[in-house]
Amino acid sequence: MFILATPSEFIRQWIESLRGKLDVSSWERYEQIIRTHFIPNFGHIPLAKLALLDLERHYAKIQAAGLSIGTVRYHRAVIPKALQSTVQRKLIFRNAVDIDGEDQLKKSILKYDFGI
């Protein structure tokens, strides 16, 4: 059961709910991204107010910090999954990469990965 005290608490509960459903190395990578990046950068923002622009800034920030393309891609996979789980549990109406944002995010991925 998910008890939403703060966005940070929900995300921590979400990642714990995946333990045993993912292989150990994937779960550890998800948890590391959530613990070291998502919570410090977004934990204070109400989930319903988190915007695509916030995520795009995050991806630009970690890219500028020199994280590998693979790491940035992992962030682009994990963070939307966490946000989608809040929608599935009816904690928010839509997440920051929902509907129009998905197309914008895909375009930004193409631009980042392939310079398109």
Protein backbone atom coordinates (compact mmCIF):
# COMPACT_ATOMS: atom_id res chain seq x y z
CA MET A 1 0.00 0.00 0.00
CA PHE A 2 1.22 3.49 -0.86
CA ILE A 3 0.91 6.20 1.74
CA LEU A 4 1.72 9.56 0.22
CA ALA A 5 3.39 11.75 2.83
CA THR A 6 5.55 13.64 0.34
CA PRO A 7 6.56 13.11 -3.28
CA SER A 8 9.89 11.82 -1.97
CA GLU A 9 8.14 9.26 0.22
CA PHE A 10 5.93 8.04 -2.62
CA ILE A 11 8.91 7.57 -4.92
CA ARG A 12 10.80 5.70 -2.18
CA GLN A 13 7.79 3.43 -1.68
CA TRP A 14 7.48 2.96 -5.45
CA ILE A 15 11.08 1.88 -5.83
CA GLU A 16 10.75 -0.52 -2.90
CA SER A 17 7.66 -2.04 -4.55
CA LEU A 18 9.85 -2.99 -7.52
CA ARG A 19 12.34 -4.96 -5.43
CA GLY A 20 12.11 -8.58 -6.56
CA LYS A 21 10.24 -7.61 -9.76
CA LEU A 22 13.42 -6.43 -11.50
CA ASP A 23 16.77 -8.12 -11.69
CA VAL A 24 19.06 -6.97 -8.89
CA SER A 25 21.33 -4.76 -11.00
CA SER A 26 18.37 -2.97 -12.65
CA TRP A 27 16.69 -2.39 -9.30
CA GLU A 28 19.93 -1.02 -7.83
CA ARG A 29 20.31 1.34 -10.79
CA TYR A 30 16.69 2.54 -10.51
CA GLU A 31 17.11 3.08 -6.78
CA GLN A 32 20.37 4.98 -7.27
CA ILE A 33 18.79 7.34 -9.81
CA ILE A 34 15.81 7.96 -7.55
CA ARG A 35 17.92 8.45 -4.41
CA THR A 36 20.72 10.56 -5.87
CA HIS A 37 18.92 12.53 -8.56
CA PHE A 38 15.12 12.46 -8.49
CA ILE A 39 14.56 13.05 -4.78
CA PRO A 40 17.16 15.84 -4.38
CA ASN A 41 16.01 17.62 -7.55
CA PHE A 42 12.25 17.03 -7.50
CA GLY A 43 11.30 15.82 -4.02
CA HIS A 44 10.17 19.30 -2.95
CA ILE A 45 7.90 19.83 -5.99
CA PRO A 46 4.33 18.52 -5.65
CA LEU A 47 4.00 15.71 -8.19
CA ALA A 48 0.98 17.35 -9.84
CA LYS A 49 3.05 20.50 -10.44
CA LEU A 50 6.11 18.79 -11.89
CA ALA A 51 6.42 19.93 -15.50
CA LEU A 52 8.15 18.59 -18.57
CA LEU A 53 10.42 21.64 -18.46
CA ASP A 54 11.62 20.55 -15.00
CA LEU A 55 12.61 17.17 -16.41
CA GLU A 56 14.26 18.66 -19.48
CA ARG A 57 16.32 20.95 -17.23
CA HIS A 58 17.32 17.94 -15.16
CA TYR A 59 18.46 16.00 -18.23
CA ALA A 60 20.43 19.02 -19.47
CA LYS A 61 22.01 19.44 -16.03
CA ILE A 62 23.19 15.84 -15.79
CA GLN A 63 24.42 15.92 -19.38
CA ALA A 64 26.40 19.11 -18.65
CA ALA A 65 27.81 17.44 -15.52
CA GLY A 66 29.39 14.84 -17.80
CA LEU A 67 27.18 11.82 -17.14
CA SER A 68 27.35 9.27 -19.91
CA ILE A 69 24.72 8.98 -22.64
CA GLY A 70 23.70 5.63 -21.16
CA THR A 71 23.13 7.20 -17.76
CA VAL A 72 21.06 10.02 -19.24
CA ARG A 73 18.99 7.45 -21.15
CA TYR A 74 18.45 5.51 -17.94
CA HIS A 75 17.17 8.67 -16.27
CA ARG A 76 14.84 9.22 -19.23
CA ALA A 77 13.46 5.72 -18.71
CA VAL A 78 13.21 5.53 -14.92
CA ILE A 79 11.78 8.94 -14.04
CA PRO A 80 8.75 8.71 -16.39
CA LYS A 81 8.01 5.20 -15.07
CA ALA A 82 7.97 6.53 -11.52
CA LEU A 83 5.67 9.38 -12.53
CA GLN A 84 3.35 7.10 -14.46
CA SER A 85 2.90 4.97 -11.38
CA THR A 86 1.46 8.00 -9.57
CA VAL A 87 -1.16 8.33 -12.31
CA GLN A 88 -2.00 4.62 -12.16
CA ARG A 89 -2.58 4.94 -8.43
CA LYS A 90 -4.74 8.03 -9.01
CA LEU A 91 -2.47 10.26 -6.94
CA ILE A 92 -2.26 12.75 -9.79
CA PHE A 93 -4.25 13.22 -13.01
CA ARG A 94 -1.34 13.17 -15.42
CA ASN A 95 2.39 13.22 -15.13
CA ALA A 96 4.95 15.61 -16.58
CA VAL A 97 5.63 13.43 -19.61
CA ASP A 98 2.03 12.51 -20.33
CA ILE A 99 0.33 13.05 -23.71
CA ASP A 100 1.90 16.11 -25.38
CA GLY A 101 4.96 15.80 -23.22
CA GLU A 102 5.73 12.33 -24.54
CA ASP A 103 6.15 13.72 -28.05
CA GLN A 104 8.26 16.61 -26.77
CA LEU A 105 10.36 14.25 -24.69
CA LYS A 106 10.89 11.91 -27.66
CA LYS A 107 11.99 14.90 -29.76
CA SER A 108 14.41 16.02 -27.06
CA ILE A 109 15.80 12.46 -26.85
CA LEU A 110 16.36 12.43 -30.61
CA LYS A 111 18.02 15.84 -30.43
CA TYR A 112 20.24 14.75 -27.54
CA ASP A 113 21.13 11.29 -28.83
CA PHE A 114 21.29 11.97 -32.55
CA GLY A 115 21.50 15.73 -33.01
CA ILE A 116 18.19 15.77 -34.93
